[in-house]
Amino acid sequence: METFGKLFASLLRLVYHCFHRVVIQGYLPLLTRPEHIVYFFRDVHGIYPITKQALRQRTRDYQHWVEAFARNHRIPLQWPDPDMKKKGLRQEDCVRPYLLAMERRQRFGVYFIFKTMEQGPNFRSCTPKYPTGDPRSRIIKRQWSRYTHFYFYIRDEVLGPMILCVGSFLLFSTRYWINGHSFIAGELQRQGVRFHKDDNAFLSVSDPEALQATADRLTPEIIRPRLDYWTLVLGPNFLRRIAPPSPYAVTIPSTRWSTVAISSSGVTFPSTSCLSALPN
C-alpha cells in the first residue's frame, strides 16, 4: 500500500489503512475432543451412556431455544430463498431493510436470523465393534457432516453490523464476520467528525487524522469483549449449567478465538477518470 501511495500520490484524494472484513472463528476447548465430550456428559451432567439420543437432544434444545428467541423478540427466522443467487442477491441484501429499520429506531441487537444447511464438525456415538467390560460403553468419534447453522444478523453498539454463525451440533462452533468500516463510521459519528461513506469506502472526511486514529483503535481488546458477549447471549445456554459436585470447579467455558481471514483497504480517488492512469 505504501508503494502504491508513492507511485500514484498525485491521483489520490484520501489514503487510510484499516481492517476491512475480518472473519473470526471461535471454539470451546472443553468440547473439541472425544474425551472432552465423555467428561462433559458423564462427569459434569451425569448422562451415561452417551448415546445418539443424548447428543441429538443437545441439538434439539438449542434449535428450540433459537426458535423461541426469534418468536419472543419478533425476529424473522427463515431459510434463504433458493432462487436468491439466480436473482443476483446475497443474504446481506435480503436483510438490509431490517438493518435500516433498526438504525432508524436507534436500536441494537439481533434483527434477522437465517437457517442454512452446511458442512461442519460434530461428534457421533456408536457401539464398540467388540464386547467390552462395560456393556454401556460407547465410542465417540469426531466427524464432518451437514447440519443446521444459524446466522444471527446483529447491530452491535461498538462494532456496528456484524454476523454470528452458530452450528447447532456439538461442538457448537461459532464464526463472526465484522467490518472495520462500520466500526470506524460509528466512532466518527460519536466524535462529531463529518464524513461521506459509500458502502465499504470513505469518500471524504473532515478530519483524516481522526479517521486513521479510529481505524488503529480496532484491536483485539475492542473486538473480543463484544464476541464474548454475543456468544454468551446467543450460544447454547446449557454450557453454563455445570453441576457443582464436579471436583474440577469448571464454570462458564471460555471461547477461544482465531482469525480465519482478513482484508484491508483504504484509497479514494477524486473521480473514476483517474483510474485510466493506472496500469492494467
C-alpha atoms as a PDB file:
ATOM      1  CA  MET A   1       0.000   0.000   0.000  1.00  0.00           C
ATOM      2  CA  GLU A   2       2.857   2.415   0.791  1.00  0.00           C
ATOM      3  CA  THR A   3       4.446   1.806  -2.618  1.00  0.00           C
ATOM      4  CA  PHE A   4       1.099   2.279  -4.320  1.00  0.00           C
ATOM      5  CA  GLY A   5       0.627   5.570  -2.481  1.00  0.00           C
ATOM      6  CA  LYS A   6       4.053   6.863  -3.541  1.00  0.00           C
ATOM      7  CA  LEU A   7       3.546   5.934  -7.193  1.00  0.00           C
ATOM      8  CA  PHE A   8       0.085   7.440  -7.524  1.00  0.00           C
ATOM      9  CA  ALA A   9       0.098  10.129  -4.830  1.00  0.00           C
ATOM     10  CA  SER A  10      -0.994  12.804  -7.294  1.00  0.00           C
ATOM     11  CA  LEU A  11      -4.128  10.836  -8.158  1.00  0.00           C
ATOM     12  CA  LEU A  12      -5.259  10.076  -4.623  1.00  0.00           C
ATOM     13  CA  ARG A  13      -7.598  12.202  -2.547  1.00  0.00           C
ATOM     14  CA  LEU A  14      -7.574  10.140   0.647  1.00  0.00           C
ATOM     15  CA  VAL A  15      -5.395   7.290   1.896  1.00  0.00           C
ATOM     16  CA  TYR A  16      -6.104   5.372   5.078  1.00  0.00           C
ATOM     17  CA  HIS A  17      -5.303   1.929   6.454  1.00  0.00           C
ATOM     18  CA  CYS A  18      -7.895  -0.209   8.189  1.00  0.00           C
ATOM     19  CA  PHE A  19      -9.204  -3.733   8.575  1.00  0.00           C
ATOM     20  CA  HIS A  20     -11.980  -4.096   6.034  1.00  0.00           C
ATOM     21  CA  ARG A  21     -13.534  -7.538   6.556  1.00  0.00           C
ATOM     22  CA  VAL A  22     -12.464  -9.780   9.411  1.00  0.00           C
ATOM     23  CA  VAL A  23     -13.604 -13.398   9.844  1.00  0.00           C
ATOM     24  CA  ILE A  24     -13.041 -14.863  13.308  1.00  0.00           C
ATOM     25  CA  GLN A  25     -13.538 -18.493  14.294  1.00  0.00           C
ATOM     26  CA  GLY A  26     -14.496 -19.431  17.839  1.00  0.00           C
ATOM     27  CA  TYR A  27     -14.412 -22.779  19.606  1.00  0.00           C
ATOM     28  CA  LEU A  28     -14.720 -24.170  23.116  1.00  0.00           C
ATOM     29  CA  PRO A  29     -11.523 -26.021  24.123  1.00  0.00           C
ATOM     30  CA  LEU A  30     -13.579 -28.166  26.536  1.00  0.00           C
ATOM     31  CA  LEU A  31     -15.659 -29.584  23.675  1.00  0.00           C
ATOM     32  CA  THR A  32     -13.158 -30.224  20.887  1.00  0.00           C
ATOM     33  CA  ARG A  33     -12.080 -33.826  21.525  1.00  0.00           C
ATOM     34  CA  PRO A  34     -13.982 -37.090  22.150  1.00  0.00           C
ATOM     35  CA  GLU A  35     -12.640 -37.356  25.703  1.00  0.00           C
ATOM     36  CA  HIS A  36     -13.990 -33.841  26.361  1.00  0.00           C
ATOM     37  CA  ILE A  37     -17.453 -34.984  25.289  1.00  0.00           C
ATOM     38  CA  VAL A  38     -17.260 -38.005  27.601  1.00  0.00           C
ATOM     39  CA  TYR A  39     -16.292 -35.794  30.530  1.00  0.00           C
ATOM     40  CA  PHE A  40     -18.974 -33.213  29.688  1.00  0.00           C
ATOM     41  CA  PHE A  41     -21.823 -35.748  29.612  1.00  0.00           C
ATOM     42  CA  ARG A  42     -20.723 -38.373  32.130  1.00  0.00           C
ATOM     43  CA  ASP A  43     -18.868 -36.412  34.803  1.00  0.00           C
ATOM     44  CA  VAL A  44     -20.466 -32.963  34.559  1.00  0.00           C
ATOM     45  CA  HIS A  45     -24.085 -33.742  33.669  1.00  0.00           C
ATOM     46  CA  GLY A  46     -24.320 -37.344  34.870  1.00  0.00           C
ATOM     47  CA  ILE A  47     -25.546 -38.624  31.498  1.00  0.00           C
ATOM     48  CA  TYR A  48     -24.377 -42.156  30.709  1.00  0.00           C
ATOM     49  CA  PRO A  49     -24.270 -43.971  28.359  1.00  0.00           C
ATOM     50  CA  ILE A  50     -23.582 -41.245  25.805  1.00  0.00           C
ATOM     51  CA  THR A  51     -25.998 -42.345  23.105  1.00  0.00           C
ATOM     52  CA  LYS A  52     -27.019 -40.808  19.796  1.00  0.00           C
ATOM     53  CA  GLN A  53     -30.170 -39.624  21.513  1.00  0.00           C
ATOM     54  CA  ALA A  54     -28.145 -37.810  24.185  1.00  0.00           C
ATOM     55  CA  LEU A  55     -26.120 -35.974  21.546  1.00  0.00           C
ATOM     56  CA  ARG A  56     -29.215 -35.235  19.477  1.00  0.00           C
ATOM     57  CA  GLN A  57     -31.047 -33.800  22.481  1.00  0.00           C
ATOM     58  CA  ARG A  58     -28.446 -31.046  22.829  1.00  0.00           C
ATOM     59  CA  THR A  59     -29.088 -30.071  19.228  1.00  0.00           C
ATOM     60  CA  ARG A  60     -32.856 -30.074  19.740  1.00  0.00           C
ATOM     61  CA  ASP A  61     -32.529 -27.966  22.885  1.00  0.00           C
ATOM     62  CA  TYR A  62     -30.538 -25.294  21.076  1.00  0.00           C
ATOM     63  CA  GLN A  63     -32.706 -25.268  17.958  1.00  0.00           C
ATOM     64  CA  HIS A  64     -35.847 -24.899  20.084  1.00  0.00           C
ATOM     65  CA  TRP A  65     -34.197 -22.092  22.039  1.00  0.00           C
ATOM     66  CA  VAL A  66     -33.354 -20.185  18.824  1.00  0.00           C
ATOM     67  CA  GLU A  67     -36.924 -20.582  17.580  1.00  0.00           C
ATOM     68  CA  ALA A  68     -38.287 -19.319  20.895  1.00  0.00           C
ATOM     69  CA  PHE A  69     -35.814 -16.420  20.944  1.00  0.00           C
ATOM     70  CA  ALA A  70     -36.871 -15.332  17.458  1.00  0.00           C
ATOM     71  CA  ARG A  71     -40.567 -15.693  18.301  1.00  0.00           C
ATOM     72  CA  ASN A  72     -40.341 -13.799  21.614  1.00  0.00           C
ATOM     73  CA  HIS A  73     -38.358 -10.928  20.102  1.00  0.00           C
ATOM     74  CA  ARG A  74     -40.315 -10.901  16.811  1.00  0.00           C
ATOM     75  CA  ILE A  75     -37.198 -11.528  14.762  1.00  0.00           C
ATOM     76  CA  PRO A  76     -37.571 -13.127  11.302  1.00  0.00           C
ATOM     77  CA  LEU A  77     -36.210 -16.688  11.224  1.00  0.00           C
ATOM     78  CA  GLN A  78     -36.200 -18.378   7.840  1.00  0.00           C
ATOM     79  CA  TRP A  79     -34.326 -20.386   5.238  1.00  0.00           C
ATOM     80  CA  PRO A  80     -32.736 -18.387   2.391  1.00  0.00           C
ATOM     81  CA  ASP A  81     -34.686 -18.097  -0.838  1.00  0.00           C
ATOM     82  CA  PRO A  82     -33.417 -20.942  -3.093  1.00  0.00           C
ATOM     83  CA  ASP A  83     -33.617 -18.587  -6.086  1.00  0.00           C
ATOM     84  CA  MET A  84     -31.638 -15.852  -4.368  1.00  0.00           C
ATOM     85  CA  LYS A  85     -28.452 -16.452  -6.379  1.00  0.00           C
ATOM     86  CA  LYS A  86     -30.384 -16.501  -9.649  1.00  0.00           C
ATOM     87  CA  LYS A  87     -31.748 -13.066  -8.749  1.00  0.00           C
ATOM     88  CA  GLY A  88     -28.222 -11.813  -8.074  1.00  0.00           C
ATOM     89  CA  LEU A  89     -28.928 -11.275  -4.378  1.00  0.00           C
ATOM     90  CA  ARG A  90     -26.861 -12.002  -1.302  1.00  0.00           C
ATOM     91  CA  GLN A  91     -28.138 -12.722   2.181  1.00  0.00           C
ATOM     92  CA  GLU A  92     -26.930  -9.249   3.189  1.00  0.00           C
ATOM     93  CA  ASP A  93     -29.174  -7.724   0.510  1.00  0.00           C
ATOM     94  CA  CYS A  94     -32.213  -9.535   1.925  1.00  0.00           C
ATOM     95  CA  VAL A  95     -31.647  -8.371   5.499  1.00  0.00           C
ATOM     96  CA  ARG A  96     -30.635  -4.762   4.714  1.00  0.00           C
ATOM     97  CA  PRO A  97     -34.186  -3.341   5.119  1.00  0.00           C
ATOM     98  CA  TYR A  98     -34.313  -4.791   8.644  1.00  0.00           C
ATOM     99  CA  LEU A  99     -30.938  -3.230   9.471  1.00  0.00           C
ATOM    100  CA  LEU A 100     -32.055   0.165   8.163  1.00  0.00           C
ATOM    101  CA  ALA A 101     -35.235  -0.070  10.238  1.00  0.00           C
ATOM    102  CA  MET A 102     -33.171  -0.780  13.368  1.00  0.00           C
ATOM    103  CA  GLU A 103     -30.858   2.137  12.606  1.00  0.00           C
ATOM    104  CA  ARG A 104     -33.828   4.499  12.224  1.00  0.00           C
ATOM    105  CA  ARG A 105     -35.115   3.395  15.638  1.00  0.00           C
ATOM    106  CA  GLN A 106     -31.566   3.711  17.056  1.00  0.00           C
ATOM    107  CA  ARG A 107     -31.751   0.206  18.477  1.00  0.00           C
ATOM    108  CA  PHE A 108     -29.138  -2.510  18.846  1.00  0.00           C
ATOM    109  CA  GLY A 109     -29.406  -6.290  18.856  1.00  0.00           C
ATOM    110  CA  VAL A 110     -30.381  -9.143  16.566  1.00  0.00           C
ATOM    111  CA  TYR A 111     -32.582  -8.127  13.635  1.00  0.00           C
ATOM    112  CA  PHE A 112     -32.641 -11.256  11.420  1.00  0.00           C
ATOM    113  CA  ILE A 113     -31.778 -14.968  11.576  1.00  0.00           C
ATOM    114  CA  PHE A 114     -31.103 -17.228   8.606  1.00  0.00           C
ATOM    115  CA  LYS A 115     -31.025 -21.031   8.788  1.00  0.00           C
ATOM    116  CA  THR A 116     -28.736 -22.933   6.404  1.00  0.00           C
ATOM    117  CA  MET A 117     -27.560 -26.484   5.873  1.00  0.00           C
ATOM    118  CA  GLU A 118     -23.750 -26.599   5.833  1.00  0.00           C
ATOM    119  CA  GLN A 119     -20.850 -28.914   6.485  1.00  0.00           C
ATOM    120  CA  GLY A 120     -19.374 -28.671   9.944  1.00  0.00           C
ATOM    121  CA  PRO A 121     -17.559 -30.600  12.682  1.00  0.00           C
ATOM    122  CA  ASN A 122     -19.580 -32.686  15.121  1.00  0.00           C
ATOM    123  CA  PHE A 123     -19.495 -35.907  17.119  1.00  0.00           C
ATOM    124  CA  ARG A 124     -21.261 -39.228  16.725  1.00  0.00           C
ATOM    125  CA  SER A 125     -21.816 -42.089  19.156  1.00  0.00           C
ATOM    126  CA  CYS A 126     -21.502 -45.725  18.133  1.00  0.00           C
ATOM    127  CA  THR A 127     -21.354 -49.048  19.945  1.00  0.00           C
ATOM    128  CA  PRO A 128     -17.993 -50.876  20.081  1.00  0.00           C
ATOM    129  CA  LYS A 129     -17.426 -53.491  17.401  1.00  0.00           C
ATOM    130  CA  TYR A 130     -16.235 -55.990  20.005  1.00  0.00           C
ATOM    131  CA  PRO A 131     -17.558 -56.630  23.554  1.00  0.00           C
ATOM    132  CA  THR A 132     -16.058 -54.591  26.382  1.00  0.00           C
ATOM    133  CA  GLY A 133     -16.131 -54.791  30.166  1.00  0.00           C
ATOM    134  CA  ASP A 134     -18.793 -52.066  30.206  1.00  0.00           C
ATOM    135  CA  PRO A 135     -21.909 -53.010  28.206  1.00  0.00           C
ATOM    136  CA  ARG A 136     -22.968 -49.332  28.208  1.00  0.00           C
ATOM    137  CA  SER A 137     -19.702 -48.142  26.693  1.00  0.00           C
ATOM    138  CA  ARG A 138     -19.898 -46.014  23.549  1.00  0.00           C
ATOM    139  CA  ILE A 139     -17.229 -44.821  21.145  1.00  0.00           C
ATOM    140  CA  ILE A 140     -17.350 -41.065  20.500  1.00  0.00           C
ATOM    141  CA  LYS A 141     -15.897 -40.032  17.163  1.00  0.00           C
ATOM    142  CA  ARG A 142     -15.416 -36.626  15.597  1.00  0.00           C
ATOM    143  CA  GLN A 143     -16.698 -36.241  12.051  1.00  0.00           C
ATOM    144  CA  TRP A 144     -17.891 -33.774   9.407  1.00  0.00           C
ATOM    145  CA  SER A 145     -21.480 -33.753   8.178  1.00  0.00           C
ATOM    146  CA  ARG A 146     -24.252 -31.437   7.019  1.00  0.00           C
ATOM    147  CA  TYR A 147     -26.493 -29.903   9.656  1.00  0.00           C
ATOM    148  CA  THR A 148     -28.329 -26.698  10.502  1.00  0.00           C
ATOM    149  CA  HIS A 149     -26.381 -23.493  11.104  1.00  0.00           C
ATOM    150  CA  PHE A 150     -27.925 -20.268  12.385  1.00  0.00           C
ATOM    151  CA  TYR A 151     -26.779 -16.885  11.055  1.00  0.00           C
ATOM    152  CA  PHE A 152     -27.571 -14.096  13.505  1.00  0.00           C
ATOM    153  CA  TYR A 153     -27.503 -10.620  11.962  1.00  0.00           C
ATOM    154  CA  ILE A 154     -26.603  -8.204  14.725  1.00  0.00           C
ATOM    155  CA  ARG A 155     -26.288  -4.454  15.107  1.00  0.00           C
ATOM    156  CA  ASP A 156     -23.713  -4.037  17.855  1.00  0.00           C
ATOM    157  CA  GLU A 157     -23.309  -0.730  19.675  1.00  0.00           C
ATOM    158  CA  VAL A 158     -19.493  -0.890  19.382  1.00  0.00           C
ATOM    159  CA  LEU A 159     -18.635  -2.845  16.223  1.00  0.00           C
ATOM    160  CA  GLY A 160     -21.718  -1.960  14.200  1.00  0.00           C
ATOM    161  CA  PRO A 161     -23.399  -4.503  11.881  1.00  0.00           C
ATOM    162  CA  MET A 162     -21.921  -7.975  12.255  1.00  0.00           C
ATOM    163  CA  ILE A 163     -22.834 -11.614  11.631  1.00  0.00           C
ATOM    164  CA  LEU A 164     -22.594 -14.575  14.003  1.00  0.00           C
ATOM    165  CA  CYS A 165     -22.886 -18.139  12.703  1.00  0.00           C
ATOM    166  CA  VAL A 166     -23.507 -20.926  15.239  1.00  0.00           C
ATOM    167  CA  GLY A 167     -23.541 -24.606  14.341  1.00  0.00           C
ATOM    168  CA  SER A 168     -26.374 -26.476  16.040  1.00  0.00           C
ATOM    169  CA  PHE A 169     -24.412 -29.715  16.653  1.00  0.00           C
ATOM    170  CA  LEU A 170     -21.734 -30.332  19.248  1.00  0.00           C
ATOM    171  CA  LEU A 171     -19.133 -28.785  19.264  1.00  0.00           C
ATOM    172  CA  PHE A 172     -21.302 -25.706  18.515  1.00  0.00           C
ATOM    173  CA  SER A 173     -18.587 -23.899  16.561  1.00  0.00           C
ATOM    174  CA  THR A 174     -19.023 -20.157  16.035  1.00  0.00           C
ATOM    175  CA  ARG A 175     -17.833 -17.760  13.365  1.00  0.00           C
ATOM    176  CA  TYR A 176     -18.067 -13.974  13.214  1.00  0.00           C
ATOM    177  CA  TRP A 177     -17.920 -11.540  10.317  1.00  0.00           C
ATOM    178  CA  ILE A 178     -17.146  -7.950  11.300  1.00  0.00           C
ATOM    179  CA  ASN A 179     -16.465  -4.867   9.176  1.00  0.00           C
ATOM    180  CA  GLY A 180     -13.855  -2.311  10.124  1.00  0.00           C
ATOM    181  CA  HIS A 181     -15.590   0.443   8.155  1.00  0.00           C
ATOM    182  CA  SER A 182     -18.739   0.012  10.254  1.00  0.00           C
ATOM    183  CA  PHE A 183     -16.733   0.386  13.461  1.00  0.00           C
ATOM    184  CA  ILE A 184     -14.982   3.500  12.153  1.00  0.00           C
ATOM    185  CA  ALA A 185     -18.242   5.099  10.984  1.00  0.00           C
ATOM    186  CA  GLY A 186     -19.859   4.641  14.391  1.00  0.00           C
ATOM    187  CA  GLU A 187     -16.865   6.067  16.222  1.00  0.00           C
ATOM    188  CA  LEU A 188     -16.608   9.095  13.902  1.00  0.00           C
ATOM    189  CA  GLN A 189     -20.301   9.833  14.421  1.00  0.00           C
ATOM    190  CA  ARG A 190     -19.802   9.791  18.183  1.00  0.00           C
ATOM    191  CA  GLN A 191     -16.830  12.162  17.793  1.00  0.00           C
ATOM    192  CA  GLY A 192     -18.828  14.539  15.584  1.00  0.00           C
ATOM    193  CA  VAL A 193     -16.475  14.090  12.618  1.00  0.00           C
ATOM    194  CA  ARG A 194     -18.207  14.651   9.276  1.00  0.00           C
ATOM    195  CA  PHE A 195     -17.677  12.054   6.560  1.00  0.00           C
ATOM    196  CA  HIS A 196     -19.201  10.624   3.413  1.00  0.00           C
ATOM    197  CA  LYS A 197     -19.247   6.835   3.236  1.00  0.00           C
ATOM    198  CA  ASP A 198     -20.425   4.689   0.333  1.00  0.00           C
ATOM    199  CA  ASP A 199     -20.803   1.011   1.232  1.00  0.00           C
ATOM    200  CA  ASN A 200     -17.308  -0.061   2.362  1.00  0.00           C
ATOM    201  CA  ALA A 201     -15.341   3.065   1.469  1.00  0.00           C
ATOM    202  CA  PHE A 202     -14.909   6.538   2.916  1.00  0.00           C
ATOM    203  CA  LEU A 203     -15.142   9.039   0.069  1.00  0.00           C
ATOM    204  CA  SER A 204     -14.390  12.088   2.183  1.00  0.00           C
ATOM    205  CA  VAL A 205     -13.801  13.015   5.814  1.00  0.00           C
ATOM    206  CA  SER A 206     -13.380  16.350   7.563  1.00  0.00           C
ATOM    207  CA  ASP A 207     -10.546  15.055   9.754  1.00  0.00           C
ATOM    208  CA  PRO A 208      -8.349  12.391   8.043  1.00  0.00           C
ATOM    209  CA  GLU A 209      -6.157  12.065  11.139  1.00  0.00           C
ATOM    210  CA  ALA A 210      -9.190  11.188  13.260  1.00  0.00           C
ATOM    211  CA  LEU A 211     -10.175   8.602  10.655  1.00  0.00           C
ATOM    212  CA  GLN A 212      -6.793   6.877  10.833  1.00  0.00           C
ATOM    213  CA  ALA A 213      -6.624   7.101  14.623  1.00  0.00           C
ATOM    214  CA  THR A 214     -10.051   5.471  14.871  1.00  0.00           C
ATOM    215  CA  ALA A 215      -9.062   2.714  12.448  1.00  0.00           C
ATOM    216  CA  ASP A 216      -5.985   1.992  14.564  1.00  0.00           C
ATOM    217  CA  ARG A 217      -8.160   1.501  17.653  1.00  0.00           C
ATOM    218  CA  LEU A 218      -9.852  -1.592  16.220  1.00  0.00           C
ATOM    219  CA  THR A 219      -7.777  -4.024  18.285  1.00  0.00           C
ATOM    220  CA  PRO A 220      -8.406  -7.403  19.942  1.00  0.00           C
ATOM    221  CA  GLU A 221      -9.088  -5.524  23.186  1.00  0.00           C
ATOM    222  CA  ILE A 222     -12.077  -3.886  21.479  1.00  0.00           C
ATOM    223  CA  ILE A 223     -13.269  -6.911  19.500  1.00  0.00           C
ATOM    224  CA  ARG A 224     -13.056  -9.770  21.978  1.00  0.00           C
ATOM    225  CA  PRO A 225     -15.448  -8.447  24.671  1.00  0.00           C
ATOM    226  CA  ARG A 226     -18.146  -7.986  22.025  1.00  0.00           C
ATOM    227  CA  LEU A 227     -17.657 -11.501  20.653  1.00  0.00           C
ATOM    228  CA  ASP A 228     -17.737 -12.973  24.165  1.00  0.00           C
ATOM    229  CA  TYR A 229     -20.915 -11.052  24.934  1.00  0.00           C
ATOM    230  CA  TRP A 230     -22.885 -12.171  21.882  1.00  0.00           C
ATOM    231  CA  THR A 231     -21.631 -15.749  22.193  1.00  0.00           C
ATOM    232  CA  LEU A 232     -22.893 -15.797  25.773  1.00  0.00           C
ATOM    233  CA  VAL A 233     -26.254 -14.321  24.743  1.00  0.00           C
ATOM    234  CA  LEU A 234     -26.864 -16.372  21.589  1.00  0.00           C
ATOM    235  CA  GLY A 235     -24.835 -19.536  22.147  1.00  0.00           C
ATOM    236  CA  PRO A 236     -26.148 -22.737  23.790  1.00  0.00           C
ATOM    237  CA  ASN A 237     -27.091 -21.780  27.341  1.00  0.00           C
ATOM    238  CA  PHE A 238     -26.777 -25.332  28.721  1.00  0.00           C
ATOM    239  CA  LEU A 239     -22.988 -24.923  28.577  1.00  0.00           C
ATOM    240  CA  ARG A 240     -23.282 -22.630  31.594  1.00  0.00           C
ATOM    241  CA  ARG A 241     -25.116 -25.149  33.772  1.00  0.00           C
ATOM    242  CA  ILE A 242     -22.214 -27.017  35.331  1.00  0.00           C
ATOM    243  CA  ALA A 243     -23.022 -29.458  38.104  1.00  0.00           C
ATOM    244  CA  PRO A 244     -21.492 -28.422  41.491  1.00  0.00           C
ATOM    245  CA  PRO A 245     -20.418 -31.980  42.512  1.00  0.00           C
ATOM    246  CA  SER A 246     -17.718 -31.925  39.844  1.00  0.00           C
ATOM    247  CA  PRO A 247     -14.281 -31.821  41.527  1.00  0.00           C
ATOM    248  CA  TYR A 248     -12.802 -29.731  38.707  1.00  0.00           C
ATOM    249  CA  ALA A 249     -14.672 -26.496  39.528  1.00  0.00           C
ATOM    250  CA  VAL A 250     -15.487 -25.659  35.933  1.00  0.00           C
ATOM    251  CA  THR A 251     -17.556 -22.535  35.354  1.00  0.00           C
ATOM    252  CA  ILE A 252     -18.588 -20.883  32.112  1.00  0.00           C
ATOM    253  CA  PRO A 253     -16.448 -22.402  29.342  1.00  0.00           C
ATOM    254  CA  SER A 254     -14.157 -19.837  27.740  1.00  0.00           C
ATOM    255  CA  THR A 255     -14.291 -19.435  23.972  1.00  0.00           C
ATOM    256  CA  ARG A 256     -11.001 -19.143  22.139  1.00  0.00           C
ATOM    257  CA  TRP A 257     -10.798 -17.042  19.008  1.00  0.00           C
ATOM    258  CA  SER A 258      -8.623 -17.223  15.914  1.00  0.00           C
ATOM    259  CA  THR A 259      -8.592 -15.063  12.792  1.00  0.00           C
ATOM    260  CA  VAL A 260      -9.648 -17.032   9.725  1.00  0.00           C
ATOM    261  CA  ALA A 261      -9.447 -14.291   7.088  1.00  0.00           C
ATOM    262  CA  ILE A 262      -8.784 -10.579   6.989  1.00  0.00           C
ATOM    263  CA  SER A 263      -8.713  -7.934   4.270  1.00  0.00           C
ATOM    264  CA  SER A 264      -7.730  -4.272   4.308  1.00  0.00           C
ATOM    265  CA  SER A 265      -8.438  -1.287   2.132  1.00  0.00           C
ATOM    266  CA  GLY A 266      -8.095   2.462   2.103  1.00  0.00           C
ATOM    267  CA  VAL A 267      -7.610   4.568  -1.032  1.00  0.00           C
ATOM    268  CA  THR A 268     -10.030   7.090  -2.514  1.00  0.00           C
ATOM    269  CA  PHE A 269      -9.714   8.703  -5.951  1.00  0.00           C
ATOM    270  CA  PRO A 270     -11.199  12.116  -6.792  1.00  0.00           C
ATOM    271  CA  SER A 271     -13.062  10.612  -9.768  1.00  0.00           C
ATOM    272  CA  THR A 272     -13.259   7.450 -11.852  1.00  0.00           C
ATOM    273  CA  SER A 273     -11.302   9.161 -14.638  1.00  0.00           C
ATOM    274  CA  CYS A 274      -8.172   8.787 -12.504  1.00  0.00           C
ATOM    275  CA  LEU A 275      -8.400   5.035 -12.869  1.00  0.00           C
ATOM    276  CA  SER A 276      -7.440   5.275 -16.537  1.00  0.00           C
ATOM    277  CA  ALA A 277      -3.960   6.339 -15.442  1.00  0.00           C
ATOM    278  CA  LEU A 278      -3.415   3.069 -13.605  1.00  0.00           C
ATOM    279  CA  PRO A 279      -1.627   0.203 -15.372  1.00  0.00           C
ATOM    280  CA  ASN A 280      -3.787  -2.702 -16.495  1.00  0.00           C
END
